[in-house]
Amino acid sequence: MKLFFSCFLVVFISTQTLLAKEIWQEYSIQTKGITIGSLTWGLKITENEYEISVDLKDKGFFSGFYSFSGNYKALGIVKKNKLFPTRYIQNWETSNKKKYVELNFKDNTVESMFLKPKEIEFARIQYKNLEGYKDPLSSFISILLTKAQSYTIDGRRAYLMFPSKEDNKILVKEYINIWADHKRNDLEYLEIYQEEEILPKKIIIKFKGSLFYLKKI
């Protein structure tokens, strides 16, 4: 569940040129026909800087089975209509877990990572100074702006995200768990349904063999 939210939480931009904008939108989160939560996306973007914020909370009769809350934020700079993150913060909480992730970027490389609780495993990859990687929020936006693949790191995992040429899906490949030695890949793809408005009206997420739906309220 945590990977699902950390991977898909992103604001989608349909235009090819970034303009000064401030947007807020509410969504419901559903699975198997049941509403399990709500999500608020916020985007502030200027010619030189951007900020993406996401807040989500469990909701509805079945919230006891899907108990969660989280908030996410990505900060960065804009250069020639390309996004370069400088900081990514992720707070995630369920009924029995609390996790905090902070990533700092400098000159298009991963400068530092802070996790709470602190990871006791040895890292399987040398994540520090990785070049060309973005946080999940910045990575998704870059894909839709440039139609090019984007390497992504979320503090727990690293993977390649790229748009499918056959349909409106974004696929996940080259998946690496930084702190555990296995080939687990819970997220398979995201399917986007776009309107004339900047934010999509619906997103379908294939995760652990299940489908999750993000629908505009």
N, C-alpha and C. Protein backbone atom coordinates (compact mmCIF):
# COMPACT_ATOMS: atom_id res chain seq x y z
N MET A 1 0.83 -1.21 0.00
CA MET A 1 0.00 0.00 0.00
C MET A 1 0.86 1.25 0.00
N LYS A 2 1.92 1.27 0.84
CA LYS A 2 2.74 2.47 0.93
C LYS A 2 3.42 2.77 -0.41
N LEU A 3 3.97 1.72 -1.06
CA LEU A 3 4.63 1.95 -2.35
C LEU A 3 3.64 2.48 -3.37
N PHE A 4 2.41 1.97 -3.34
CA PHE A 4 1.36 2.43 -4.26
C PHE A 4 1.20 3.93 -4.18
N PHE A 5 1.08 4.48 -2.97
CA PHE A 5 0.86 5.91 -2.83
C PHE A 5 2.13 6.69 -3.15
N SER A 6 3.28 6.20 -2.74
CA SER A 6 4.50 6.96 -2.99
C SER A 6 4.85 7.00 -4.46
N CYS A 7 4.35 6.03 -5.24
CA CYS A 7 4.65 6.02 -6.67
C CYS A 7 3.69 6.85 -7.50
N PHE A 8 2.38 6.85 -7.15
CA PHE A 8 1.44 7.50 -8.04
C PHE A 8 1.08 8.90 -7.64
N LEU A 9 1.47 9.32 -6.43
CA LEU A 9 1.07 10.64 -5.98
C LEU A 9 1.81 11.71 -6.76
N VAL A 10 1.13 12.32 -7.72
CA VAL A 10 1.78 13.25 -8.63
C VAL A 10 0.75 14.12 -9.32
N VAL A 11 1.14 15.33 -9.69
CA VAL A 11 0.29 16.20 -10.48
C VAL A 11 0.67 16.06 -11.94
N PHE A 12 -0.31 15.82 -12.82
CA PHE A 12 -0.04 15.66 -14.24
C PHE A 12 -0.28 16.97 -14.98
N ILE A 13 0.64 17.34 -15.86
CA ILE A 13 0.52 18.55 -16.64
C ILE A 13 0.38 18.19 -18.11
N SER A 14 -0.61 18.72 -18.80
CA SER A 14 -0.86 18.35 -20.18
C SER A 14 -0.21 19.28 -21.19
N THR A 15 0.20 20.47 -20.79
CA THR A 15 0.79 21.41 -21.72
C THR A 15 2.28 21.17 -21.86
N GLN A 16 2.86 21.63 -22.96
CA GLN A 16 4.27 21.45 -23.22
C GLN A 16 5.11 22.60 -22.67
N THR A 17 4.48 23.68 -22.24
CA THR A 17 5.20 24.83 -21.69
C THR A 17 4.71 25.10 -20.29
N LEU A 18 5.62 25.25 -19.35
CA LEU A 18 5.24 25.54 -17.98
C LEU A 18 4.89 27.01 -17.84
N LEU A 19 3.75 27.26 -17.22
CA LEU A 19 3.31 28.62 -16.96
C LEU A 19 3.11 28.79 -15.46
N ALA A 20 3.03 30.05 -15.01
CA ALA A 20 2.80 30.31 -13.60
C ALA A 20 1.40 29.84 -13.23
N LYS A 21 1.31 28.90 -12.28
CA LYS A 21 0.02 28.31 -11.92
C LYS A 21 -0.01 27.99 -10.44
N GLU A 22 -1.23 28.01 -9.90
CA GLU A 22 -1.48 27.49 -8.56
C GLU A 22 -2.81 26.75 -8.61
N ILE A 23 -2.78 25.44 -8.39
CA ILE A 23 -3.95 24.59 -8.60
C ILE A 23 -4.14 23.68 -7.40
N TRP A 24 -5.41 23.48 -7.03
CA TRP A 24 -5.77 22.53 -5.98
C TRP A 24 -6.93 21.68 -6.48
N GLN A 25 -6.85 20.37 -6.23
CA GLN A 25 -7.91 19.48 -6.70
C GLN A 25 -8.11 18.33 -5.72
N GLU A 26 -9.39 17.96 -5.53
CA GLU A 26 -9.75 16.86 -4.63
C GLU A 26 -10.05 15.60 -5.45
N TYR A 27 -9.64 14.44 -4.90
CA TYR A 27 -9.90 13.15 -5.54
C TYR A 27 -10.38 12.14 -4.49
N SER A 28 -11.14 11.16 -4.95
CA SER A 28 -11.49 10.02 -4.12
C SER A 28 -10.60 8.85 -4.52
N ILE A 29 -10.31 7.98 -3.57
CA ILE A 29 -9.51 6.78 -3.82
C ILE A 29 -10.41 5.56 -3.64
N GLN A 30 -10.51 4.73 -4.67
CA GLN A 30 -11.42 3.60 -4.65
C GLN A 30 -10.71 2.32 -5.07
N THR A 31 -11.20 1.20 -4.57
CA THR A 31 -10.76 -0.11 -5.03
C THR A 31 -11.90 -1.09 -4.83
N LYS A 32 -12.11 -1.94 -5.82
CA LYS A 32 -13.18 -2.94 -5.80
C LYS A 32 -14.54 -2.29 -5.55
N GLY A 33 -14.73 -1.11 -6.09
CA GLY A 33 -15.99 -0.41 -5.96
C GLY A 33 -16.22 0.25 -4.63
N ILE A 34 -15.20 0.28 -3.77
CA ILE A 34 -15.32 0.84 -2.43
C ILE A 34 -14.44 2.07 -2.30
N THR A 35 -14.98 3.15 -1.75
CA THR A 35 -14.18 4.34 -1.47
C THR A 35 -13.40 4.13 -0.18
N ILE A 36 -12.08 4.20 -0.27
CA ILE A 36 -11.23 3.95 0.90
C ILE A 36 -10.50 5.19 1.38
N GLY A 37 -10.55 6.29 0.60
CA GLY A 37 -9.83 7.47 1.04
C GLY A 37 -10.06 8.67 0.14
N SER A 38 -9.47 9.78 0.53
CA SER A 38 -9.53 11.01 -0.27
C SER A 38 -8.13 11.60 -0.37
N LEU A 39 -7.92 12.39 -1.42
CA LEU A 39 -6.60 12.95 -1.70
C LEU A 39 -6.73 14.37 -2.22
N THR A 40 -5.83 15.22 -1.78
CA THR A 40 -5.77 16.60 -2.26
C THR A 40 -4.42 16.85 -2.91
N TRP A 41 -4.45 17.32 -4.15
CA TRP A 41 -3.23 17.68 -4.87
C TRP A 41 -3.10 19.19 -4.91
N GLY A 42 -1.89 19.68 -4.69
CA GLY A 42 -1.62 21.10 -4.85
C GLY A 42 -0.39 21.31 -5.70
N LEU A 43 -0.47 22.27 -6.61
CA LEU A 43 0.65 22.59 -7.49
C LEU A 43 0.87 24.09 -7.53
N LYS A 44 2.08 24.50 -7.24
CA LYS A 44 2.48 25.90 -7.41
C LYS A 44 3.71 25.89 -8.31
N ILE A 45 3.63 26.59 -9.42
CA ILE A 45 4.75 26.57 -10.36
C ILE A 45 4.93 27.94 -10.99
N THR A 46 6.16 28.38 -11.06
CA THR A 46 6.51 29.65 -11.70
C THR A 46 7.53 29.37 -12.79
N GLU A 47 8.08 30.42 -13.33
CA GLU A 47 9.07 30.26 -14.39
C GLU A 47 10.34 29.58 -13.88
N ASN A 48 10.64 29.75 -12.58
CA ASN A 48 11.92 29.26 -12.05
C ASN A 48 11.80 28.19 -10.97
N GLU A 49 10.63 28.06 -10.33
CA GLU A 49 10.49 27.14 -9.20
C GLU A 49 9.16 26.40 -9.25
N TYR A 50 9.10 25.28 -8.55
CA TYR A 50 7.84 24.56 -8.43
C TYR A 50 7.73 23.90 -7.05
N GLU A 51 6.50 23.64 -6.66
CA GLU A 51 6.21 22.94 -5.41
C GLU A 51 4.97 22.08 -5.62
N ILE A 52 5.07 20.81 -5.26
CA ILE A 52 3.94 19.90 -5.34
C ILE A 52 3.66 19.37 -3.94
N SER A 53 2.41 19.44 -3.51
CA SER A 53 2.04 18.91 -2.20
C SER A 53 0.87 17.95 -2.35
N VAL A 54 0.88 16.88 -1.58
CA VAL A 54 -0.17 15.87 -1.61
C VAL A 54 -0.53 15.48 -0.19
N ASP A 55 -1.82 15.47 0.11
CA ASP A 55 -2.32 15.01 1.40
C ASP A 55 -3.41 13.97 1.16
N LEU A 56 -3.34 12.86 1.90
CA LEU A 56 -4.35 11.83 1.75
C LEU A 56 -4.73 11.26 3.10
N LYS A 57 -5.97 10.71 3.14
CA LYS A 57 -6.51 10.19 4.39
C LYS A 57 -7.51 9.10 4.08
N ASP A 58 -7.53 8.05 4.93
CA ASP A 58 -8.54 7.01 4.77
C ASP A 58 -9.93 7.58 5.01
N LYS A 59 -10.92 6.92 4.44
CA LYS A 59 -12.28 7.46 4.49
C LYS A 59 -13.27 6.35 4.23
N GLY A 60 -14.44 6.44 4.86
CA GLY A 60 -15.52 5.52 4.56
C GLY A 60 -15.63 4.38 5.55
N PHE A 61 -16.66 3.53 5.32
CA PHE A 61 -16.99 2.43 6.22
C PHE A 61 -15.84 1.44 6.36
N PHE A 62 -15.07 1.24 5.29
CA PHE A 62 -14.01 0.24 5.29
C PHE A 62 -12.64 0.83 5.64
N SER A 63 -12.62 2.00 6.23
CA SER A 63 -11.34 2.62 6.57
C SER A 63 -10.57 1.80 7.60
N GLY A 64 -11.26 0.95 8.36
CA GLY A 64 -10.57 0.08 9.30
C GLY A 64 -9.68 -0.93 8.62
N PHE A 65 -10.06 -1.32 7.39
CA PHE A 65 -9.26 -2.27 6.63
C PHE A 65 -8.16 -1.56 5.84
N TYR A 66 -8.38 -0.30 5.49
CA TYR A 66 -7.41 0.49 4.74
C TYR A 66 -7.07 1.75 5.53
N SER A 67 -6.48 1.56 6.69
CA SER A 67 -6.16 2.68 7.57
C SER A 67 -4.82 3.30 7.14
N PHE A 68 -4.86 4.58 6.74
CA PHE A 68 -3.65 5.24 6.28
C PHE A 68 -3.84 6.75 6.30
N SER A 69 -2.73 7.45 6.36
CA SER A 69 -2.70 8.90 6.14
C SER A 69 -1.29 9.25 5.70
N GLY A 70 -1.16 10.32 4.94
CA GLY A 70 0.16 10.69 4.47
C GLY A 70 0.18 12.08 3.89
N ASN A 71 1.34 12.66 3.87
CA ASN A 71 1.54 13.93 3.17
C ASN A 71 2.92 13.90 2.51
N TYR A 72 2.98 14.50 1.34
CA TYR A 72 4.16 14.45 0.49
C TYR A 72 4.42 15.85 -0.07
N LYS A 73 5.68 16.16 -0.28
CA LYS A 73 6.01 17.47 -0.84
C LYS A 73 7.29 17.35 -1.68
N ALA A 74 7.26 17.96 -2.84
CA ALA A 74 8.44 18.03 -3.70
C ALA A 74 8.71 19.50 -4.04
N LEU A 75 9.95 19.91 -3.87
CA LEU A 75 10.39 21.27 -4.20
C LEU A 75 11.49 21.19 -5.24
N GLY A 76 11.52 22.16 -6.14
CA GLY A 76 12.57 22.12 -7.14
C GLY A 76 12.64 23.39 -7.96
N ILE A 77 13.53 23.36 -8.94
CA ILE A 77 13.72 24.50 -9.83
C ILE A 77 13.33 24.10 -11.25
N VAL A 78 12.99 25.11 -12.06
CA VAL A 78 12.62 24.91 -13.45
C VAL A 78 13.68 25.56 -14.33
N LYS A 79 14.24 24.76 -15.25
CA LYS A 79 15.22 25.27 -16.21
C LYS A 79 14.83 24.81 -17.61
N LYS A 80 14.53 25.75 -18.47
CA LYS A 80 14.16 25.44 -19.85
C LYS A 80 13.03 24.42 -19.91
N ASN A 81 12.01 24.66 -19.07
CA ASN A 81 10.82 23.81 -18.99
C ASN A 81 11.10 22.39 -18.50
N LYS A 82 12.25 22.19 -17.89
CA LYS A 82 12.57 20.91 -17.29
C LYS A 82 12.61 21.06 -15.77
N LEU A 83 12.20 20.00 -15.06
CA LEU A 83 12.13 20.03 -13.60
C LEU A 83 13.35 19.36 -12.98
N PHE A 84 13.92 20.03 -11.99
CA PHE A 84 15.06 19.49 -11.26
C PHE A 84 14.76 19.60 -9.76
N PRO A 85 14.47 18.47 -9.11
CA PRO A 85 14.11 18.53 -7.69
C PRO A 85 15.27 18.94 -6.81
N THR A 86 14.95 19.62 -5.71
CA THR A 86 15.95 19.96 -4.70
C THR A 86 15.64 19.26 -3.37
N ARG A 87 14.36 18.98 -3.10
CA ARG A 87 14.01 18.34 -1.84
C ARG A 87 12.69 17.58 -1.98
N TYR A 88 12.63 16.42 -1.35
CA TYR A 88 11.42 15.59 -1.35
C TYR A 88 11.19 15.08 0.07
N ILE A 89 9.97 15.28 0.59
CA ILE A 89 9.62 14.85 1.94
C ILE A 89 8.38 13.97 1.88
N GLN A 90 8.42 12.87 2.60
CA GLN A 90 7.30 11.93 2.61
C GLN A 90 7.01 11.48 4.04
N ASN A 91 5.79 11.68 4.50
CA ASN A 91 5.32 11.16 5.78
C ASN A 91 4.21 10.15 5.51
N TRP A 92 4.32 8.98 6.10
CA TRP A 92 3.34 7.92 5.86
C TRP A 92 2.99 7.24 7.18
N GLU A 93 1.69 7.03 7.43
CA GLU A 93 1.26 6.42 8.69
C GLU A 93 0.09 5.47 8.47
N THR A 94 0.19 4.28 9.05
CA THR A 94 -0.92 3.33 9.10
C THR A 94 -1.19 3.03 10.56
N SER A 95 -2.07 2.05 10.82
CA SER A 95 -2.43 1.74 12.19
C SER A 95 -1.25 1.25 13.01
N ASN A 96 -0.22 0.69 12.34
CA ASN A 96 0.92 0.14 13.10
C ASN A 96 2.29 0.60 12.59
N LYS A 97 2.32 1.58 11.66
CA LYS A 97 3.59 2.02 11.13
C LYS A 97 3.61 3.54 10.94
N LYS A 98 4.78 4.11 11.18
CA LYS A 98 5.05 5.50 10.85
C LYS A 98 6.39 5.56 10.14
N LYS A 99 6.43 6.19 8.97
CA LYS A 99 7.66 6.27 8.21
C LYS A 99 7.85 7.67 7.65
N TYR A 100 9.11 8.11 7.68
CA TYR A 100 9.48 9.42 7.18
C TYR A 100 10.65 9.26 6.22
N VAL A 101 10.56 9.91 5.08
CA VAL A 101 11.62 9.88 4.07
C VAL A 101 11.94 11.31 3.65
N GLU A 102 13.21 11.64 3.62
CA GLU A 102 13.63 12.94 3.10
C GLU A 102 14.79 12.74 2.13
N LEU A 103 14.63 13.26 0.93
CA LEU A 103 15.68 13.21 -0.09
C LEU A 103 16.09 14.64 -0.45
N ASN A 104 17.39 14.86 -0.56
CA ASN A 104 17.90 16.15 -0.99
C ASN A 104 18.72 15.96 -2.26
N PHE A 105 18.51 16.87 -3.21
CA PHE A 105 19.18 16.79 -4.51
C PHE A 105 20.00 18.06 -4.73
N LYS A 106 21.10 17.90 -5.46
CA LYS A 106 21.94 19.04 -5.82
C LYS A 106 22.61 18.76 -7.15
N ASP A 107 22.51 19.72 -8.06
CA ASP A 107 23.13 19.59 -9.38
C ASP A 107 22.71 18.31 -10.08
N ASN A 108 21.42 18.00 -10.01
CA ASN A 108 20.83 16.85 -10.69
C ASN A 108 21.36 15.52 -10.17
N THR A 109 21.81 15.49 -8.90
CA THR A 109 22.25 14.25 -8.27
C THR A 109 21.61 14.13 -6.88
N VAL A 110 21.55 12.90 -6.37
CA VAL A 110 21.06 12.66 -5.02
C VAL A 110 22.16 13.04 -4.04
N GLU A 111 21.91 14.05 -3.22
CA GLU A 111 22.93 14.53 -2.28
C GLU A 111 22.87 13.79 -0.95
N SER A 112 21.65 13.53 -0.42
CA SER A 112 21.53 12.87 0.87
C SER A 112 20.15 12.24 1.02
N MET A 113 20.06 11.29 1.96
CA MET A 113 18.81 10.61 2.26
C MET A 113 18.70 10.42 3.77
N PHE A 114 17.51 10.69 4.31
CA PHE A 114 17.25 10.49 5.74
C PHE A 114 15.97 9.69 5.89
N LEU A 115 16.04 8.59 6.64
CA LEU A 115 14.89 7.72 6.88
C LEU A 115 14.61 7.60 8.37
N LYS A 116 13.34 7.57 8.72
CA LYS A 116 12.95 7.34 10.10
C LYS A 116 11.73 6.40 10.10
N PRO A 117 11.85 5.22 10.74
CA PRO A 117 13.01 4.74 11.48
C PRO A 117 14.21 4.48 10.56
N LYS A 118 15.39 4.57 11.14
CA LYS A 118 16.62 4.40 10.37
C LYS A 118 16.73 2.97 9.86
N GLU A 119 17.16 2.83 8.61
CA GLU A 119 17.29 1.51 8.00
C GLU A 119 18.52 0.79 8.55
N ILE A 120 18.35 -0.47 8.97
CA ILE A 120 19.45 -1.24 9.53
C ILE A 120 20.16 -2.09 8.49
N GLU A 121 19.55 -2.27 7.33
CA GLU A 121 20.17 -3.04 6.25
C GLU A 121 21.23 -2.20 5.55
N PHE A 122 22.17 -2.89 4.92
CA PHE A 122 23.12 -2.20 4.06
C PHE A 122 22.46 -1.92 2.71
N ALA A 123 22.73 -0.76 2.15
CA ALA A 123 22.15 -0.41 0.86
C ALA A 123 22.69 -1.32 -0.23
N ARG A 124 21.79 -1.81 -1.08
CA ARG A 124 22.17 -2.68 -2.20
C ARG A 124 22.72 -1.90 -3.37
N ILE A 125 22.48 -0.59 -3.41
CA ILE A 125 23.03 0.25 -4.46
C ILE A 125 23.65 1.50 -3.82
N GLN A 126 24.55 2.12 -4.52
CA GLN A 126 25.16 3.36 -4.06
C GLN A 126 24.24 4.51 -4.48
N TYR A 127 23.29 4.84 -3.61
CA TYR A 127 22.28 5.84 -3.98
C TYR A 127 22.83 7.26 -3.94
N LYS A 128 23.80 7.53 -3.09
CA LYS A 128 24.33 8.88 -3.01
C LYS A 128 25.09 9.21 -4.28
N ASN A 129 24.85 10.41 -4.79
CA ASN A 129 25.45 10.92 -6.02
C ASN A 129 24.90 10.26 -7.28
N LEU A 130 23.76 9.52 -7.15
CA LEU A 130 23.10 9.04 -8.36
C LEU A 130 22.72 10.24 -9.22
N GLU A 131 23.04 10.17 -10.49
CA GLU A 131 22.80 11.31 -11.37
C GLU A 131 21.57 11.08 -12.23
N GLY A 132 20.77 12.13 -12.39
CA GLY A 132 19.62 12.06 -13.27
C GLY A 132 18.38 11.46 -12.67
N TYR A 133 18.38 11.19 -11.36
CA TYR A 133 17.20 10.61 -10.69
C TYR A 133 16.34 11.73 -10.11
N LYS A 134 15.03 11.50 -10.09
CA LYS A 134 14.08 12.44 -9.52
C LYS A 134 13.22 11.75 -8.48
N ASP A 135 12.59 12.54 -7.62
CA ASP A 135 11.59 11.98 -6.71
C ASP A 135 10.35 11.60 -7.51
N PRO A 136 9.43 10.79 -6.94
CA PRO A 136 8.27 10.32 -7.70
C PRO A 136 7.40 11.43 -8.27
N LEU A 137 7.14 12.49 -7.51
CA LEU A 137 6.27 13.55 -7.98
C LEU A 137 6.88 14.28 -9.17
N SER A 138 8.13 14.69 -9.02
CA SER A 138 8.82 15.40 -10.10
C SER A 138 9.00 14.51 -11.33
N SER A 139 9.21 13.23 -11.08
CA SER A 139 9.46 12.30 -12.18
C SER A 139 8.24 12.16 -13.08
N PHE A 140 7.05 12.01 -12.48
CA PHE A 140 5.84 11.87 -13.27
C PHE A 140 5.55 13.10 -14.12
N ILE A 141 5.73 14.25 -13.53
CA ILE A 141 5.49 15.49 -14.28
C ILE A 141 6.44 15.57 -15.48
N SER A 142 7.70 15.23 -15.26
CA SER A 142 8.68 15.29 -16.33
C SER A 142 8.32 14.36 -17.48
N ILE A 143 7.77 13.19 -17.15
CA ILE A 143 7.37 12.24 -18.19
C ILE A 143 6.31 12.85 -19.10
N LEU A 144 5.30 13.48 -18.50
CA LEU A 144 4.22 14.02 -19.32
C LEU A 144 4.63 15.28 -20.07
N LEU A 145 5.60 16.00 -19.55
CA LEU A 145 6.07 17.20 -20.25
C LEU A 145 6.95 16.86 -21.44
N THR A 146 7.82 15.88 -21.26
CA THR A 146 8.83 15.60 -22.28
C THR A 146 8.55 14.33 -23.08
N LYS A 147 7.60 13.50 -22.57
CA LYS A 147 7.30 12.20 -23.19
C LYS A 147 8.51 11.28 -23.17
N ALA A 148 9.43 11.53 -22.25
CA ALA A 148 10.64 10.72 -22.14
C ALA A 148 10.65 9.96 -20.82
N GLN A 149 11.39 8.89 -20.77
CA GLN A 149 11.50 8.09 -19.56
C GLN A 149 12.18 8.88 -18.45
N SER A 150 11.97 8.43 -17.21
CA SER A 150 12.56 9.14 -16.08
C SER A 150 12.96 8.15 -15.00
N TYR A 151 14.20 8.22 -14.55
CA TYR A 151 14.67 7.40 -13.44
C TYR A 151 14.20 8.03 -12.13
N THR A 152 13.74 7.17 -11.22
CA THR A 152 13.04 7.63 -10.02
C THR A 152 13.59 6.95 -8.78
N ILE A 153 13.65 7.72 -7.68
CA ILE A 153 14.03 7.18 -6.39
C ILE A 153 13.09 7.74 -5.34
N ASP A 154 12.60 6.87 -4.43
CA ASP A 154 11.64 7.32 -3.42
C ASP A 154 12.14 7.11 -1.99
N GLY A 155 13.41 6.75 -1.83
CA GLY A 155 13.98 6.53 -0.51
C GLY A 155 14.03 5.07 -0.12
N ARG A 156 13.17 4.27 -0.69
CA ARG A 156 13.14 2.83 -0.44
C ARG A 156 13.51 2.02 -1.68
N ARG A 157 13.19 2.59 -2.83
CA ARG A 157 13.36 1.87 -4.08
C ARG A 157 13.82 2.81 -5.19
N ALA A 158 14.38 2.22 -6.24
CA ALA A 158 14.74 2.96 -7.44
C ALA A 158 14.19 2.20 -8.64
N TYR A 159 13.73 2.93 -9.65
CA TYR A 159 13.11 2.28 -10.79
C TYR A 159 13.05 3.23 -11.97
N LEU A 160 12.79 2.67 -13.13
CA LEU A 160 12.64 3.44 -14.35
C LEU A 160 11.17 3.53 -14.70
N MET A 161 10.69 4.74 -14.97
CA MET A 161 9.31 4.94 -15.39
C MET A 161 9.32 5.50 -16.81
N PHE A 162 8.50 4.92 -17.67
CA PHE A 162 8.48 5.43 -19.04
C PHE A 162 7.09 5.26 -19.65
N PRO A 163 6.71 6.15 -20.55
CA PRO A 163 5.38 6.09 -21.17
C PRO A 163 5.34 5.04 -22.26
N SER A 164 4.24 4.30 -22.29
CA SER A 164 4.03 3.31 -23.34
C SER A 164 3.63 4.00 -24.63
N LYS A 165 4.15 3.54 -25.75
CA LYS A 165 3.82 4.13 -27.04
C LYS A 165 2.47 3.63 -27.56
N GLU A 166 1.99 2.51 -27.03
CA GLU A 166 0.77 1.90 -27.53
C GLU A 166 -0.49 2.46 -26.88
N ASP A 167 -0.40 2.95 -25.65
CA ASP A 167 -1.58 3.42 -24.94
C ASP A 167 -1.18 4.56 -24.00
N ASN A 168 -2.08 4.90 -23.08
CA ASN A 168 -1.82 6.03 -22.17
C ASN A 168 -1.30 5.55 -20.82
N LYS A 169 -0.52 4.49 -20.82
CA LYS A 169 0.03 3.94 -19.58
C LYS A 169 1.46 4.43 -19.35
N ILE A 170 1.82 4.50 -18.09
CA ILE A 170 3.20 4.71 -17.67
C ILE A 170 3.66 3.44 -16.99
N LEU A 171 4.69 2.81 -17.51
CA LEU A 171 5.15 1.51 -17.05
C LEU A 171 6.33 1.66 -16.09
N VAL A 172 6.55 0.62 -15.26
CA VAL A 172 7.64 0.61 -14.28
C VAL A 172 8.58 -0.55 -14.61
N LYS A 173 9.84 -0.26 -14.80
CA LYS A 173 10.85 -1.26 -15.15
C LYS A 173 12.12 -1.04 -14.32
N GLU A 174 13.06 -1.95 -14.46
CA GLU A 174 14.38 -1.87 -13.80
C GLU A 174 14.23 -1.57 -12.31
N TYR A 175 13.34 -2.29 -11.68
CA TYR A 175 12.98 -2.05 -10.28
C TYR A 175 14.04 -2.62 -9.34
N ILE A 176 14.51 -1.81 -8.40
CA ILE A 176 15.51 -2.24 -7.43
C ILE A 176 15.06 -1.81 -6.04
N ASN A 177 15.01 -2.74 -5.11
CA ASN A 177 14.77 -2.40 -3.71
C ASN A 177 16.11 -2.06 -3.08
N ILE A 178 16.24 -0.85 -2.56
CA ILE A 178 17.53 -0.39 -2.05
C ILE A 178 17.96 -1.17 -0.81
N TRP A 179 16.99 -1.51 0.06
CA TRP A 179 17.33 -2.04 1.37
C TRP A 179 17.04 -3.52 1.56
N ALA A 180 16.57 -4.22 0.54
CA ALA A 180 16.31 -5.65 0.68
C ALA A 180 16.69 -6.36 -0.60
N ASP A 181 17.22 -7.55 -0.48
CA ASP A 181 17.77 -8.27 -1.62
C ASP A 181 16.70 -9.17 -2.24
N HIS A 182 15.77 -8.57 -2.97
CA HIS A 182 14.77 -9.33 -3.70
C HIS A 182 14.32 -8.54 -4.92
N LYS A 183 13.53 -9.16 -5.79
CA LYS A 183 13.10 -8.52 -7.03
C LYS A 183 11.63 -8.14 -6.99
N ARG A 184 11.16 -7.71 -5.87
CA ARG A 184 9.77 -7.33 -5.70
C ARG A 184 9.43 -6.11 -6.54
N ASN A 185 8.31 -6.18 -7.24
CA ASN A 185 7.82 -5.06 -8.03
C ASN A 185 6.31 -5.00 -7.89
N ASP A 186 5.82 -4.23 -6.93
CA ASP A 186 4.40 -4.17 -6.65
C ASP A 186 3.63 -3.32 -7.65
N LEU A 187 4.23 -2.24 -8.10
CA LEU A 187 3.57 -1.34 -9.03
C LEU A 187 3.87 -1.75 -10.46
N GLU A 188 2.82 -1.96 -11.28
CA GLU A 188 3.02 -2.39 -12.65
C GLU A 188 2.86 -1.25 -13.65
N TYR A 189 1.78 -0.48 -13.48
CA TYR A 189 1.58 0.64 -14.40
C TYR A 189 0.54 1.61 -13.84
N LEU A 190 0.47 2.79 -14.45
CA LEU A 190 -0.57 3.78 -14.20
C LEU A 190 -1.23 4.11 -15.53
N GLU A 191 -2.54 4.22 -15.52
CA GLU A 191 -3.29 4.55 -16.73
C GLU A 191 -4.02 5.87 -16.51
N ILE A 192 -3.80 6.83 -17.41
CA ILE A 192 -4.25 8.21 -17.20
C ILE A 192 -5.39 8.55 -18.15
N TYR A 193 -6.44 9.16 -17.62
CA TYR A 193 -7.56 9.66 -18.41
C TYR A 193 -7.59 11.18 -18.28
N GLN A 194 -7.26 11.85 -19.37
CA GLN A 194 -7.05 13.29 -19.36
C GLN A 194 -8.25 14.02 -19.92
N GLU A 195 -8.52 15.22 -19.38
CA GLU A 195 -9.51 16.13 -19.92
C GLU A 195 -8.78 17.35 -20.47
N GLU A 196 -9.53 18.38 -20.84
CA GLU A 196 -8.90 19.62 -21.25
C GLU A 196 -8.26 20.33 -20.07
N GLU A 197 -8.76 20.05 -18.87
CA GLU A 197 -8.18 20.64 -17.68
C GLU A 197 -6.79 20.05 -17.43
N ILE A 198 -6.00 20.74 -16.61
CA ILE A 198 -4.62 20.31 -16.37
C ILE A 198 -4.56 18.97 -15.65
N LEU A 199 -5.36 18.80 -14.61
CA LEU A 199 -5.32 17.55 -13.85
C LEU A 199 -6.21 16.50 -14.50
N PRO A 200 -5.82 15.25 -14.48
CA PRO A 200 -6.62 14.19 -15.10
C PRO A 200 -7.91 13.96 -14.32
N LYS A 201 -8.93 13.47 -15.02
CA LYS A 201 -10.19 13.17 -14.33
C LYS A 201 -10.15 11.82 -13.63
N LYS A 202 -9.25 10.93 -14.09
CA LYS A 202 -9.17 9.60 -13.47
C LYS A 202 -7.82 8.97 -13.75
N ILE A 203 -7.32 8.22 -12.77
CA ILE A 203 -6.10 7.43 -12.93
C ILE A 203 -6.37 6.03 -12.41
N ILE A 204 -5.96 5.03 -13.16
CA ILE A 204 -6.06 3.63 -12.73
C ILE A 204 -4.65 3.15 -12.42
N ILE A 205 -4.48 2.53 -11.25
CA ILE A 205 -3.17 2.04 -10.83
C ILE A 205 -3.24 0.53 -10.67
N LYS A 206 -2.36 -0.20 -11.38
CA LYS A 206 -2.25 -1.65 -11.22
C LYS A 206 -1.16 -1.91 -10.20
N PHE A 207 -1.56 -2.44 -9.04
CA PHE A 207 -0.66 -2.58 -7.91
C PHE A 207 -0.94 -3.88 -7.18
N LYS A 208 0.08 -4.75 -7.10
CA LYS A 208 -0.04 -6.05 -6.43
C LYS A 208 -1.20 -6.87 -6.99
N GLY A 209 -1.44 -6.77 -8.27
CA GLY A 209 -2.51 -7.52 -8.89
C GLY A 209 -3.88 -6.91 -8.71
N SER A 210 -3.99 -5.79 -7.99
CA SER A 210 -5.27 -5.12 -7.76
C SER A 210 -5.31 -3.80 -8.52
N LEU A 211 -6.52 -3.30 -8.73
CA LEU A 211 -6.71 -2.02 -9.38
C LEU A 211 -7.19 -0.98 -8.39
N PHE A 212 -6.54 0.18 -8.39
CA PHE A 212 -6.96 1.31 -7.57
C PHE A 212 -7.34 2.45 -8.50
N TYR A 213 -8.39 3.19 -8.11
CA TYR A 213 -8.92 4.26 -8.94
C TYR A 213 -8.85 5.59 -8.21
N LEU A 214 -8.28 6.56 -8.88
CA LEU A 214 -8.22 7.93 -8.37
C LEU A 214 -9.15 8.76 -9.23
N LYS A 215 -10.28 9.24 -8.67
CA LYS A 215 -11.30 9.95 -9.44
C LYS A 215 -11.49 11.36 -8.90
N LYS A 216 -11.57 12.32 -9.82
CA LYS A 216 -11.78 13.69 -9.44
C LYS A 216 -13.17 13.87 -8.83
N ILE A 217 -13.23 14.59 -7.71
CA ILE A 217 -14.50 14.85 -7.04
C ILE A 217 -15.14 16.10 -7.63
